[in-house]
Amino acid sequence: MTKNTFSSYSDLRLPREAQLRRMRRVIDCELTELQRSVLEAVYFGGMTQAQIAAQRGVSRSTVCRTLHRAETRLRRFLRGALFRRQGGR
């Protein structure tokens, strides 16, 4: 998943601000602290996986795996919310 993850989630029926609030709620409530911190460092802090790994003293593959799990969980919760909002169609 690329940095376009956040911009690619779009429910055209919701204003962008509402989409971002929903995403923030999922990040705050559904991700682990580690997933949240890695996701925020990459997408909002502009850090590379290598920089995060060096900062945390772990391998880049650990950061990559954590980021992947966070993105998967975020995507799943956002799609689930969209599915429920559309009445389960």
Protein backbone atom coordinates (compact mmCIF):
# COMPACT_ATOMS: atom_id res chain seq x y z
CA MET A 1 0.00 0.00 0.00
CA THR A 2 1.32 3.41 -0.90
CA LYS A 3 0.87 6.82 0.60
CA ASN A 4 -2.26 7.11 -1.54
CA THR A 5 -4.03 4.88 0.99
CA PHE A 6 -5.70 7.81 2.68
CA SER A 7 -6.70 9.61 -0.49
CA SER A 8 -7.92 6.42 -2.18
CA TYR A 9 -10.59 5.86 0.47
CA SER A 10 -13.44 7.96 -0.76
CA ASP A 11 -17.11 7.62 -0.10
CA LEU A 12 -18.44 10.23 -2.49
CA ARG A 13 -21.48 10.71 -0.28
CA LEU A 14 -19.40 12.05 2.60
CA PRO A 15 -17.50 15.34 2.60
CA ARG A 16 -13.73 14.96 2.83
CA GLU A 17 -13.72 16.31 6.41
CA ALA A 18 -16.16 13.59 7.49
CA GLN A 19 -14.02 10.94 5.80
CA LEU A 20 -10.92 12.22 7.60
CA ARG A 21 -12.75 12.26 10.97
CA ARG A 22 -13.85 8.68 10.41
CA MET A 23 -10.31 7.67 9.53
CA ARG A 24 -8.94 9.43 12.62
CA ARG A 25 -11.47 7.61 14.82
CA VAL A 26 -10.40 4.26 13.41
CA ILE A 27 -6.71 5.11 13.87
CA ASP A 28 -7.30 6.21 17.47
CA CYS A 29 -9.67 3.43 18.52
CA GLU A 30 -8.90 0.34 16.47
CA LEU A 31 -5.12 0.24 16.03
CA THR A 32 -2.60 -0.83 18.63
CA GLU A 33 -0.32 1.86 20.01
CA LEU A 34 2.59 0.46 17.98
CA GLN A 35 0.53 0.33 14.77
CA ARG A 36 -0.72 3.86 15.36
CA SER A 37 2.74 5.30 16.00
CA VAL A 38 4.27 3.64 12.92
CA LEU A 39 1.35 4.65 10.69
CA GLU A 40 1.49 8.25 11.92
CA ALA A 41 5.28 8.42 11.53
CA VAL A 42 5.06 7.28 7.90
CA TYR A 43 1.96 9.14 6.71
CA PHE A 44 1.87 12.23 8.91
CA GLY A 45 5.52 12.51 9.93
CA GLY A 46 7.04 11.75 6.55
CA MET A 47 9.51 9.24 7.98
CA THR A 48 10.80 6.27 6.01
CA GLN A 49 10.57 2.73 7.32
CA ALA A 50 14.35 2.70 7.69
CA GLN A 51 14.26 5.86 9.82
CA ILE A 52 11.55 4.43 12.08
CA ALA A 53 13.47 1.16 12.42
CA ALA A 54 16.64 3.01 13.42
CA GLN A 55 14.74 5.17 15.90
CA ARG A 56 13.08 2.15 17.52
CA GLY A 57 16.09 -0.16 17.31
CA VAL A 58 14.25 -2.82 15.28
CA SER A 59 14.66 -4.19 11.77
CA ARG A 60 13.05 -2.50 8.79
CA SER A 61 11.07 -5.70 8.15
CA THR A 62 9.48 -5.36 11.60
CA VAL A 63 8.40 -1.82 10.77
CA CYS A 64 7.15 -2.95 7.34
CA ARG A 65 5.12 -5.77 8.87
CA THR A 66 3.63 -3.47 11.53
CA LEU A 67 2.72 -0.87 8.91
CA HIS A 68 1.13 -3.51 6.68
CA ARG A 69 -0.99 -4.82 9.55
CA ALA A 70 -2.06 -1.29 10.50
CA GLU A 71 -3.04 -0.46 6.91
CA THR A 72 -4.96 -3.73 6.57
CA ARG A 73 -6.84 -3.12 9.80
CA LEU A 74 -7.58 0.49 8.87
CA ARG A 75 -8.86 -0.54 5.44
CA ARG A 76 -11.02 -3.30 6.93
CA PHE A 77 -12.66 -0.98 9.47
CA LEU A 78 -13.25 1.76 6.90
CA ARG A 79 -14.80 -0.67 4.42
CA GLY A 80 -16.93 -2.18 7.18
CA ALA A 81 -18.21 1.26 8.15
CA LEU A 82 -19.01 2.02 4.52
CA PHE A 83 -20.79 -1.33 4.11
CA ARG A 84 -22.90 -0.74 7.24
CA ARG A 85 -23.67 2.82 6.14
CA GLN A 86 -24.98 1.59 2.80
CA GLY A 87 -27.34 -0.81 4.53
CA GLY A 88 -25.30 -3.95 4.02
CA ARG A 89 -25.60 -4.04 0.25
